[in-house]
Amino acid sequence: MIVFLGEDDERQYLYPPEFHRGFFRLAVGLEDTDDLMRDIDHALVEAGFEV
């Protein structure tokens, strides 16, 4: 699961100040590292990022 917490997110106080400008939180379970990396690469390409 990937969650974006933006600058105005009410949960920002839960994180250190350096994260208050917005960040992505990636939570993964126990799965094969190669599968996970392929999934992330695929999602970034679909979103228009160069991998």
C-alpha atoms as a PDB file:
ATOM      1  CA  MET A   1       0.000   0.000   0.000  1.00  0.00           C
ATOM      2  CA  ILE A   2       1.305   3.443  -0.876  1.00  0.00           C
ATOM      3  CA  VAL A   3      -0.124   6.497   0.843  1.00  0.00           C
ATOM      4  CA  PHE A   4       0.701  10.100  -0.035  1.00  0.00           C
ATOM      5  CA  LEU A   5       0.650  12.478   2.917  1.00  0.00           C
ATOM      6  CA  GLY A   6       0.628  16.031   1.590  1.00  0.00           C
ATOM      7  CA  GLU A   7       1.617  19.253   3.303  1.00  0.00           C
ATOM      8  CA  ASP A   8      -1.872  19.865   4.656  1.00  0.00           C
ATOM      9  CA  ASP A   9      -2.550  16.326   5.892  1.00  0.00           C
ATOM     10  CA  GLU A  10      -3.775  16.293   9.489  1.00  0.00           C
ATOM     11  CA  ARG A  11      -1.514  13.300  10.270  1.00  0.00           C
ATOM     12  CA  GLN A  12       1.707  15.244   9.633  1.00  0.00           C
ATOM     13  CA  TYR A  13       2.227  15.781  13.373  1.00  0.00           C
ATOM     14  CA  LEU A  14       2.854  12.029  13.688  1.00  0.00           C
ATOM     15  CA  TYR A  15       6.089  12.343  11.673  1.00  0.00           C
ATOM     16  CA  PRO A  16       9.373  14.279  12.126  1.00  0.00           C
ATOM     17  CA  PRO A  17       9.421  17.868  10.764  1.00  0.00           C
ATOM     18  CA  GLU A  18      11.554  16.977   7.735  1.00  0.00           C
ATOM     19  CA  PHE A  19       8.564  14.998   6.395  1.00  0.00           C
ATOM     20  CA  HIS A  20       6.048  17.838   6.741  1.00  0.00           C
ATOM     21  CA  ARG A  21       6.433  18.998   3.137  1.00  0.00           C
ATOM     22  CA  GLY A  22       4.746  15.799   1.949  1.00  0.00           C
ATOM     23  CA  PHE A  23       6.006  12.262   1.381  1.00  0.00           C
ATOM     24  CA  PHE A  24       4.969   8.823   0.201  1.00  0.00           C
ATOM     25  CA  ARG A  25       4.638   6.038   2.746  1.00  0.00           C
ATOM     26  CA  LEU A  26       5.192   2.540   1.357  1.00  0.00           C
ATOM     27  CA  ALA A  27       3.986  -0.394   3.428  1.00  0.00           C
ATOM     28  CA  VAL A  28       4.733  -3.918   2.205  1.00  0.00           C
ATOM     29  CA  GLY A  29       4.219  -7.383   3.553  1.00  0.00           C
ATOM     30  CA  LEU A  30       6.398 -10.442   3.218  1.00  0.00           C
ATOM     31  CA  GLU A  31       6.901 -10.917  -0.479  1.00  0.00           C
ATOM     32  CA  ASP A  32       9.703 -11.562  -2.892  1.00  0.00           C
ATOM     33  CA  THR A  33      11.936  -8.499  -3.314  1.00  0.00           C
ATOM     34  CA  ASP A  34      12.195  -8.922  -7.088  1.00  0.00           C
ATOM     35  CA  ASP A  35       8.393  -9.094  -7.438  1.00  0.00           C
ATOM     36  CA  LEU A  36       8.021  -5.985  -5.306  1.00  0.00           C
ATOM     37  CA  MET A  37      10.596  -4.047  -7.351  1.00  0.00           C
ATOM     38  CA  ARG A  38       8.906  -5.078 -10.620  1.00  0.00           C
ATOM     39  CA  ASP A  39       5.530  -3.935  -9.275  1.00  0.00           C
ATOM     40  CA  ILE A  40       6.952  -0.560  -8.219  1.00  0.00           C
ATOM     41  CA  ASP A  41       8.757  -0.091 -11.543  1.00  0.00           C
ATOM     42  CA  HIS A  42       5.574  -0.924 -13.437  1.00  0.00           C
ATOM     43  CA  ALA A  43       3.506   1.524 -11.364  1.00  0.00           C
ATOM     44  CA  LEU A  44       6.062   4.316 -11.900  1.00  0.00           C
ATOM     45  CA  VAL A  45       6.127   3.726 -15.672  1.00  0.00           C
ATOM     46  CA  GLU A  46       2.308   3.738 -15.807  1.00  0.00           C
ATOM     47  CA  ALA A  47       2.343   7.028 -13.863  1.00  0.00           C
ATOM     48  CA  GLY A  48       4.668   8.536 -16.477  1.00  0.00           C
ATOM     49  CA  PHE A  49       7.991   8.329 -14.662  1.00  0.00           C
ATOM     50  CA  GLU A  50      11.147   7.059 -16.333  1.00  0.00           C
ATOM     51  CA  VAL A  51      12.585   4.047 -14.515  1.00  0.00           C
END
